[in-house]
Amino acid sequence: MNAEQRKLTRRSLLIAGASGLGAAGLGATLGLTFGADSPAAVHGVTRFERVYSAARRREIDFITFLPPNPAPGLPMSLLLHGLHSSARYAAPTGLVDRLATDVAAGAVPAFGFVAVDGGDSYWHENQPGDDPMTMLLEEVPRWLAARGLGGDGGLPFAATGISMGGFGALLYTRRRVERHQPTSAVATLAPALITTWPEMSKRNAFHDAADWASMDPLRHVSALKGVQTGIWCGTEDQFITGVREYFAAAQPAVAYTAPGVHGDSFNRTVVPGLVAFVGRNVPGQRFK
């Protein structure tokens, strides 16, 4: 099987044993409901697949988080995971069902999220032959279009990210602007906006300080002018200093802080605001 054939390979991972899911996890995957109150419950649909990324030279997880009964052409936002994580752990607790509930209630237009494995290189090509950004820009739209998802050519309308994925979402949004294909919005939870090279160098994600500076969102704030931006971060988060610098420089549409540390304990609390913000920026909609 050649590379072109491999990248079209799809292996469903919906079997609970294959993905380590119990009954509740399987219900979320298949859009089923459990429990006495299940007839009134609304659950999202999570679809697990494996695809071959030529940009990363490996098979990766390709996961879509959708409202029930997604229509063809469903608008999609990227959902980028953090450092030492993967697509399987990209969604904060409650995101998929909150999306489904809000869509069912008419609080937001129907849209979905897509997550892929990006490694630990802050979503750029740090190692030759492993290029997560090219995967996002070139391959993800093709994968989405092949499944009847996304905008023209499968293009995501927004980028969302957590921690390192927040850095990646801001960088991806800049690359889209440079291609004259701007996203409608970018939304990040505790983005890894590190303010010194000695601290960033510990991640082994950039060749040197100049390489980092060429991609650091804090040094390229103006590049995202015109893109609706939302950022949420706990006041005890390790990245709060950089986040506050970004707030001051960019004056984003949402600049939210509240007590909390880095991780899901904070992220899950801002899921409603995240879904509402991304939903407000679905193209062609007038939701408030």
Protein backbone atom coordinates (compact mmCIF):
# COMPACT_ATOMS: atom_id res chain seq x y z
CA MET A 1 0.00 0.00 0.00
CA ASN A 2 1.50 3.35 -1.03
CA ALA A 3 1.35 6.62 0.96
CA GLU A 4 -1.61 7.96 -1.02
CA GLN A 5 -3.56 4.81 -0.28
CA ARG A 6 -2.54 4.79 3.37
CA LYS A 7 -3.72 8.33 4.00
CA LEU A 8 -7.18 7.30 2.84
CA THR A 9 -7.22 4.29 5.15
CA ARG A 10 -9.90 4.50 7.86
CA ARG A 11 -10.15 2.14 10.79
CA SER A 12 -13.05 2.77 13.12
CA LEU A 13 -12.19 2.57 16.80
CA LEU A 14 -15.74 2.61 18.09
CA ILE A 15 -15.42 -0.69 19.94
CA ALA A 16 -15.16 -0.01 23.65
CA GLY A 17 -12.33 -2.43 24.20
CA ALA A 18 -10.25 -0.89 21.44
CA SER A 19 -10.30 2.55 23.01
CA GLY A 20 -10.47 1.64 26.68
CA LEU A 21 -14.00 2.98 27.08
CA GLY A 22 -16.53 1.75 29.57
CA ALA A 23 -20.31 1.93 29.19
CA ALA A 24 -20.47 5.69 29.67
CA GLY A 25 -17.59 6.29 27.25
CA LEU A 26 -19.17 4.04 24.65
CA GLY A 27 -22.41 5.97 24.97
CA ALA A 28 -20.60 9.23 24.27
CA THR A 29 -18.86 7.66 21.30
CA LEU A 30 -22.00 6.33 19.68
CA GLY A 31 -24.35 9.10 20.74
CA LEU A 32 -26.34 6.70 22.95
CA THR A 33 -27.90 7.48 26.33
CA PHE A 34 -27.96 5.63 29.61
CA GLY A 35 -29.87 5.92 32.87
CA ALA A 36 -33.42 6.62 33.96
CA ASP A 37 -33.29 10.20 32.69
CA SER A 38 -31.81 9.30 29.33
CA PRO A 39 -34.89 10.10 27.19
CA ALA A 40 -34.47 13.80 28.11
CA ALA A 41 -30.67 13.81 27.82
CA VAL A 42 -28.78 15.09 24.79
CA HIS A 43 -25.39 13.57 24.03
CA GLY A 44 -22.77 14.43 21.50
CA VAL A 45 -21.14 11.98 19.11
CA THR A 46 -17.42 11.23 19.17
CA ARG A 47 -15.97 9.38 16.18
CA PHE A 48 -12.52 7.80 16.41
CA GLU A 49 -10.53 6.97 13.29
CA ARG A 50 -6.95 6.35 12.20
CA VAL A 51 -5.56 8.16 9.15
CA TYR A 52 -2.13 8.39 7.57
CA SER A 53 -0.52 11.85 7.67
CA ALA A 54 2.07 12.32 4.94
CA ALA A 55 3.11 15.59 6.62
CA ARG A 56 3.91 13.72 9.86
CA ARG A 57 4.92 10.44 8.17
CA ARG A 58 2.82 8.32 10.48
CA GLU A 59 -0.68 7.17 11.28
CA ILE A 60 -2.53 9.40 13.71
CA ASP A 61 -5.82 9.58 15.53
CA PHE A 62 -8.43 11.66 13.72
CA ILE A 63 -11.33 12.39 16.08
CA THR A 64 -14.49 14.38 15.42
CA PHE A 65 -16.76 15.71 18.16
CA LEU A 66 -20.21 16.34 16.75
CA PRO A 67 -23.77 17.23 17.75
CA PRO A 68 -26.39 14.53 17.07
CA ASN A 69 -27.45 14.05 13.44
CA PRO A 70 -24.80 16.30 11.86
CA ALA A 71 -25.85 17.70 8.50
CA PRO A 72 -23.57 17.62 5.43
CA GLY A 73 -21.12 20.50 5.42
CA LEU A 74 -21.25 20.89 9.22
CA PRO A 75 -18.91 23.77 10.15
CA MET A 76 -15.88 22.53 12.07
CA SER A 77 -13.31 24.01 14.43
CA LEU A 78 -9.89 22.55 15.07
CA LEU A 79 -9.31 21.36 18.65
CA LEU A 80 -5.59 21.18 19.41
CA HIS A 81 -4.22 19.22 22.37
CA GLY A 82 -1.54 20.21 24.83
CA LEU A 83 2.02 19.07 25.50
CA HIS A 84 2.53 15.33 26.12
CA SER A 85 -1.10 14.73 25.15
CA SER A 86 -2.98 13.55 22.07
CA ALA A 87 -6.20 13.93 20.13
CA ARG A 88 -7.93 11.50 22.52
CA TYR A 89 -7.48 13.95 25.38
CA ALA A 90 -7.97 17.21 23.48
CA ALA A 91 -11.54 17.87 24.65
CA PRO A 92 -12.03 19.25 28.16
CA THR A 93 -14.56 17.42 30.29
CA GLY A 94 -18.12 18.15 29.22
CA LEU A 95 -17.32 19.75 25.87
CA VAL A 96 -19.06 17.23 23.60
CA ASP A 97 -22.31 17.04 25.55
CA ARG A 98 -22.40 20.80 26.12
CA LEU A 99 -22.08 21.27 22.38
CA ALA A 100 -24.92 18.81 21.77
CA THR A 101 -27.15 20.43 24.42
CA ASP A 102 -26.60 23.96 23.15
CA VAL A 103 -27.19 22.96 19.54
CA ALA A 104 -30.38 21.09 20.48
CA ALA A 105 -31.62 24.10 22.44
CA GLY A 106 -30.89 26.50 19.58
CA ALA A 107 -28.41 28.41 21.75
CA VAL A 108 -25.70 28.00 19.09
CA PRO A 109 -25.77 26.92 15.44
CA ALA A 110 -24.69 23.36 14.70
CA PHE A 111 -20.93 22.90 14.47
CA GLY A 112 -18.30 20.41 15.54
CA PHE A 113 -14.68 20.02 16.58
CA VAL A 114 -11.89 17.94 15.05
CA ALA A 115 -8.77 16.79 16.89
CA VAL A 116 -5.61 15.17 15.51
CA ASP A 117 -2.33 13.99 17.05
CA GLY A 118 0.23 16.78 16.80
CA GLY A 119 3.18 15.56 18.85
CA ASP A 120 5.06 17.86 21.23
CA SER A 121 6.59 20.40 18.84
CA TYR A 122 4.16 23.25 19.49
CA TRP A 123 2.37 22.43 16.23
CA HIS A 124 5.19 23.28 13.83
CA GLU A 125 7.98 21.39 12.07
CA ASN A 126 10.70 21.19 14.71
CA GLN A 127 12.02 17.85 13.44
CA PRO A 128 12.54 17.43 9.67
CA GLY A 129 9.78 15.34 8.15
CA ASP A 130 7.34 15.81 11.05
CA ASP A 131 5.23 18.86 10.19
CA PRO A 132 2.03 19.21 12.21
CA MET A 133 1.25 22.66 10.79
CA THR A 134 1.23 21.39 7.22
CA MET A 135 -1.03 18.58 8.42
CA LEU A 136 -3.46 21.15 9.81
CA LEU A 137 -3.34 23.43 6.79
CA GLU A 138 -3.31 20.86 3.98
CA GLU A 139 -4.46 17.46 5.19
CA VAL A 140 -7.16 18.14 7.78
CA PRO A 141 -9.38 20.00 5.25
CA ARG A 142 -9.12 17.05 2.85
CA TRP A 143 -9.99 14.58 5.59
CA LEU A 144 -12.97 16.66 6.67
CA ALA A 145 -14.22 17.15 3.10
CA ALA A 146 -14.02 13.40 2.49
CA ARG A 147 -16.44 12.96 5.40
CA GLY A 148 -18.80 15.73 4.33
CA LEU A 149 -17.64 18.09 7.08
CA GLY A 150 -16.22 21.61 7.16
CA GLY A 151 -16.55 24.63 4.90
CA ASP A 152 -15.37 24.98 1.31
CA GLY A 153 -12.92 22.15 0.73
CA GLY A 154 -13.36 21.05 4.35
CA LEU A 155 -11.71 24.20 5.70
CA PRO A 156 -12.26 24.70 9.47
CA PHE A 157 -13.90 28.01 10.36
CA ALA A 158 -12.15 28.33 13.72
CA ALA A 159 -9.23 27.08 15.80
CA THR A 160 -9.46 26.04 19.43
CA GLY A 161 -6.61 24.83 21.62
CA ILE A 162 -5.52 24.04 25.15
CA SER A 163 -2.09 24.93 26.60
CA MET A 164 0.45 24.06 23.86
CA GLY A 165 -2.59 23.68 21.63
CA GLY A 166 -3.52 27.26 22.45
CA PHE A 167 -0.12 28.38 21.17
CA GLY A 168 -0.74 26.18 18.13
CA ALA A 169 -4.22 27.58 17.54
CA LEU A 170 -2.89 31.14 17.56
CA LEU A 171 -0.04 30.15 15.22
CA TYR A 172 -2.42 28.28 12.90
CA THR A 173 -4.73 31.30 12.79
CA ARG A 174 -1.79 33.49 11.79
CA ARG A 175 -0.87 31.06 9.01
CA ARG A 176 -4.46 31.13 7.75
CA VAL A 177 -4.37 34.93 7.67
CA GLU A 178 -1.11 34.81 5.73
CA ARG A 179 -2.81 32.51 3.19
CA HIS A 180 -5.68 34.99 2.85
CA GLN A 181 -8.00 32.35 4.33
CA PRO A 182 -8.59 33.80 7.81
CA THR A 183 -10.57 31.89 10.37
CA SER A 184 -13.65 33.50 11.88
CA ALA A 185 -12.38 32.92 15.40
CA VAL A 186 -9.67 31.48 17.61
CA ALA A 187 -10.41 30.28 21.14
CA THR A 188 -7.77 29.13 23.62
CA LEU A 189 -7.76 27.73 27.15
CA ALA A 190 -4.63 28.59 29.14
CA PRO A 191 -2.45 29.01 26.03
CA ALA A 192 1.24 28.29 26.62
CA LEU A 193 2.39 31.88 26.15
CA ILE A 194 5.83 31.67 27.74
CA THR A 195 7.66 34.96 28.21
CA THR A 196 11.35 33.92 28.40
CA TRP A 197 13.56 31.78 26.17
CA PRO A 198 15.22 29.92 29.10
CA GLU A 199 11.79 28.66 30.13
CA MET A 200 10.62 27.84 26.60
CA SER A 201 13.91 26.11 25.78
CA LYS A 202 13.07 23.42 28.36
CA ARG A 203 10.36 22.15 25.97
CA ASN A 204 12.90 21.30 23.22
CA ALA A 205 10.32 22.51 20.71
CA PHE A 206 12.34 25.20 18.89
CA HIS A 207 15.85 25.30 17.46
CA ASP A 208 16.80 28.54 19.20
CA ALA A 209 15.41 31.79 20.53
CA ALA A 210 15.07 33.27 17.04
CA ASP A 211 13.10 30.25 15.85
CA TRP A 212 10.73 30.63 18.81
CA ALA A 213 10.44 34.40 18.30
CA SER A 214 9.40 33.87 14.68
CA MET A 215 6.33 31.93 15.88
CA ASP A 216 5.60 33.29 19.37
CA PRO A 217 2.03 34.69 19.37
CA LEU A 218 3.06 37.39 21.84
CA ARG A 219 5.38 38.86 19.20
CA HIS A 220 2.83 38.70 16.39
CA VAL A 221 -0.35 40.00 17.98
CA SER A 222 -1.18 42.33 15.10
CA ALA A 223 -1.21 39.41 12.64
CA LEU A 224 -4.56 38.28 14.06
CA LYS A 225 -6.24 41.67 13.75
CA GLY A 226 -9.81 41.17 12.63
CA VAL A 227 -10.07 37.59 13.91
CA GLN A 228 -12.42 37.21 16.87
CA THR A 229 -10.29 35.96 19.76
CA GLY A 230 -11.27 34.41 23.08
CA ILE A 231 -8.87 33.39 25.85
CA TRP A 232 -9.68 31.78 29.20
CA CYS A 233 -7.06 31.23 31.93
CA GLY A 234 -6.92 30.54 35.67
CA THR A 235 -5.25 33.16 37.82
CA GLU A 236 -2.99 30.52 39.38
CA ASP A 237 -2.09 29.04 36.00
CA GLN A 238 1.61 28.86 35.12
CA PHE A 239 0.93 30.77 31.89
CA ILE A 240 -1.08 33.63 33.39
CA THR A 241 1.75 36.18 32.96
CA GLY A 242 1.96 35.62 29.22
CA VAL A 243 -1.81 35.52 28.93
CA ARG A 244 -2.14 38.88 30.66
CA GLU A 245 0.47 40.32 28.31
CA TYR A 246 -1.58 39.05 25.39
CA PHE A 247 -4.74 40.58 26.85
CA ALA A 248 -3.03 43.97 27.11
CA ALA A 249 -1.63 43.84 23.59
CA ALA A 250 -4.55 42.27 21.71
CA GLN A 251 -7.61 43.26 23.72
CA PRO A 252 -9.41 40.06 22.68
CA ALA A 253 -13.19 39.81 22.52
CA VAL A 254 -13.07 37.44 25.50
CA ALA A 255 -10.33 37.92 28.11
CA TYR A 256 -11.52 35.72 30.96
CA THR A 257 -9.72 34.93 34.19
CA ALA A 258 -10.94 33.29 37.38
CA PRO A 259 -9.31 31.40 40.24
CA GLY A 260 -7.86 28.14 38.99
CA VAL A 261 -4.73 26.19 38.15
CA HIS A 262 -3.57 24.69 34.86
CA GLY A 263 -5.61 21.68 33.77
CA ASP A 264 -9.05 20.19 33.38
CA SER A 265 -10.26 21.33 36.81
CA PHE A 266 -10.33 24.86 35.42
CA ASN A 267 -10.97 24.07 31.76
CA ARG A 268 -14.21 22.22 32.42
CA THR A 269 -15.63 25.27 34.19
CA VAL A 270 -15.31 27.47 31.10
CA VAL A 271 -16.69 24.97 28.57
CA PRO A 272 -20.06 26.79 28.37
CA GLY A 273 -18.36 30.07 27.50
CA LEU A 274 -16.06 28.38 24.99
CA VAL A 275 -18.93 26.69 23.15
CA ALA A 276 -20.96 29.91 23.14
CA PHE A 277 -18.03 31.96 21.81
CA VAL A 278 -17.14 29.55 19.01
CA GLY A 279 -20.81 29.17 18.15
CA ARG A 280 -21.27 32.93 17.83
CA ASN A 281 -18.61 32.93 15.15
CA VAL A 282 -19.96 30.20 12.87
CA PRO A 283 -20.03 31.90 9.44
CA GLY A 284 -23.41 33.04 8.18
CA GLN A 285 -25.08 32.85 11.60
CA ARG A 286 -26.52 35.59 13.80
CA PHE A 287 -26.45 33.91 17.19
CA LYS A 288 -25.72 36.09 20.20
